Amino acid sequence: MSQVTTIILIAIALSTVLAIVSFWLPQITPDYEKLSPYECGFDPLGTARLPFSLRFFLVAILFLLFDLEIALLLPLPWGDQLSNPLLTFMWASAVLVLLTLGLIYEWLQGGLEWAE
């Protein structure tokens, strides 16, 4: 038997044994203390499942969008060595203008304000 086959068989056997043992080993006995939410030793005052604000997600998405913009514009300095560098500059400018217009629109609509 080849060495690769032996390693694959050992990996499959080990992962199977570990998966079976992980189902049998823990003792699952939930009680009131384990099921109650922990809040620094105090009794919970409200529900532990408060929804996040949609404004938080909007700011997070805007951050990711502008972070990806940097990744898209990173190859721009190398674009001047192409046969037509003006075309690369025009595409990069179009991306920046589109993102800037979207940011201005969100700003004017009040989507970036935390308090209403």
Protein backbone atom coordinates (compact mmCIF):
# COMPACT_ATOMS: atom_id res chain seq x y z
CA MET A 1 0.00 0.00 0.00
CA SER A 2 1.34 3.43 -0.85
CA GLN A 3 2.19 6.07 1.70
CA VAL A 4 -0.55 8.45 0.52
CA THR A 5 -3.20 5.77 0.87
CA THR A 6 -1.98 4.93 4.37
CA ILE A 7 -2.13 8.58 5.45
CA ILE A 8 -5.64 8.99 4.00
CA LEU A 9 -6.86 5.86 5.80
CA ILE A 10 -5.35 7.01 9.10
CA ALA A 11 -6.96 10.45 8.72
CA ILE A 12 -10.37 8.93 7.94
CA ALA A 13 -10.13 6.48 10.84
CA LEU A 14 -9.00 9.14 13.29
CA SER A 15 -11.71 11.61 12.29
CA THR A 16 -14.37 8.88 12.48
CA VAL A 17 -13.25 7.81 15.96
CA LEU A 18 -13.15 11.42 17.19
CA ALA A 19 -16.61 12.16 15.76
CA ILE A 20 -18.12 9.07 17.43
CA VAL A 21 -16.44 9.80 20.77
CA SER A 22 -17.60 13.44 20.70
CA PHE A 23 -21.23 12.29 20.52
CA TRP A 24 -20.95 9.80 23.40
CA LEU A 25 -18.56 11.62 25.73
CA PRO A 26 -20.44 14.76 26.85
CA GLN A 27 -23.16 14.47 29.44
CA ILE A 28 -26.06 16.56 28.25
CA THR A 29 -28.08 17.47 31.32
CA PRO A 30 -29.42 21.00 30.88
CA ASP A 31 -30.76 22.61 34.02
CA TYR A 32 -32.07 26.07 34.86
CA GLU A 33 -28.62 27.55 35.55
CA LYS A 34 -27.16 26.37 32.25
CA LEU A 35 -30.12 27.58 30.21
CA SER A 36 -30.37 31.04 31.80
CA PRO A 37 -28.48 33.95 30.22
CA TYR A 38 -25.48 35.18 32.19
CA GLU A 39 -25.28 38.92 32.81
CA CYS A 40 -22.38 39.57 35.21
CA GLY A 41 -24.03 37.74 38.09
CA PHE A 42 -27.27 39.75 37.97
CA ASP A 43 -30.65 38.41 37.07
CA PRO A 44 -31.49 39.21 33.45
CA LEU A 45 -33.56 42.38 33.21
CA GLY A 46 -34.82 41.91 29.68
CA THR A 47 -34.64 39.63 26.72
CA ALA A 48 -31.18 38.47 25.68
CA ARG A 49 -32.10 38.60 22.01
CA LEU A 50 -32.35 42.30 21.20
CA PRO A 51 -32.25 42.99 17.45
CA PHE A 52 -29.39 45.00 15.99
CA SER A 53 -30.10 48.38 14.52
CA LEU A 54 -30.31 48.48 10.75
CA ARG A 55 -28.12 51.58 10.83
CA PHE A 56 -25.30 49.45 12.24
CA PHE A 57 -25.57 47.12 9.25
CA LEU A 58 -25.71 50.08 6.85
CA VAL A 59 -22.49 51.53 8.23
CA ALA A 60 -20.86 48.09 8.15
CA ILE A 61 -21.86 47.57 4.52
CA LEU A 62 -20.60 51.04 3.59
CA PHE A 63 -17.29 50.25 5.27
CA LEU A 64 -16.99 47.00 3.32
CA LEU A 65 -17.92 48.77 0.10
CA PHE A 66 -15.25 51.41 0.48
CA ASP A 67 -12.75 48.82 1.67
CA LEU A 68 -13.36 46.83 -1.52
CA GLU A 69 -13.00 50.04 -3.50
CA ILE A 70 -9.43 50.28 -2.27
CA ALA A 71 -8.81 46.71 -3.39
CA LEU A 72 -10.22 47.52 -6.83
CA LEU A 73 -8.15 50.68 -7.21
CA LEU A 74 -4.92 49.16 -5.91
CA PRO A 75 -3.74 48.00 -9.38
CA LEU A 76 -4.32 51.51 -10.79
CA PRO A 77 -0.63 52.63 -10.62
CA TRP A 78 0.34 49.65 -12.75
CA GLY A 79 -2.35 50.52 -15.28
CA ASP A 80 -0.28 53.37 -16.69
CA GLN A 81 2.04 50.81 -18.29
CA LEU A 82 -0.74 49.45 -20.49
CA SER A 83 -1.11 50.45 -24.10
CA ASN A 84 -4.05 52.75 -23.26
CA PRO A 85 -3.63 54.11 -19.69
CA LEU A 86 -6.38 56.71 -20.19
CA LEU A 87 -8.99 53.94 -20.39
CA THR A 88 -7.85 52.53 -17.02
CA PHE A 89 -8.01 55.99 -15.49
CA MET A 90 -11.53 56.53 -16.88
CA TRP A 91 -12.83 53.24 -15.40
CA ALA A 92 -11.27 54.03 -12.02
CA SER A 93 -12.77 57.52 -12.12
CA ALA A 94 -16.19 56.08 -12.99
CA VAL A 95 -16.02 53.75 -9.97
CA LEU A 96 -15.03 56.61 -7.67
CA VAL A 97 -17.75 58.92 -8.99
CA LEU A 98 -20.40 56.21 -8.62
CA LEU A 99 -19.37 55.45 -5.04
CA THR A 100 -19.19 59.15 -4.16
CA LEU A 101 -22.69 59.74 -5.54
CA GLY A 102 -23.99 56.80 -3.51
CA LEU A 103 -22.36 58.15 -0.35
CA ILE A 104 -23.82 61.64 -0.94
CA TYR A 105 -27.27 60.12 -1.48
CA GLU A 106 -27.07 58.15 1.79
CA TRP A 107 -25.82 61.22 3.60
CA LEU A 108 -28.67 63.40 2.31
CA GLN A 109 -31.26 60.75 3.13
CA GLY A 110 -30.01 60.67 6.74
CA GLY A 111 -28.91 57.08 6.63
CA LEU A 112 -25.61 57.80 8.35
CA GLU A 113 -27.08 59.56 11.39
CA TRP A 114 -27.34 57.50 14.57
CA ALA A 115 -29.92 59.65 16.37
CA GLU A 116 -33.16 60.69 14.79
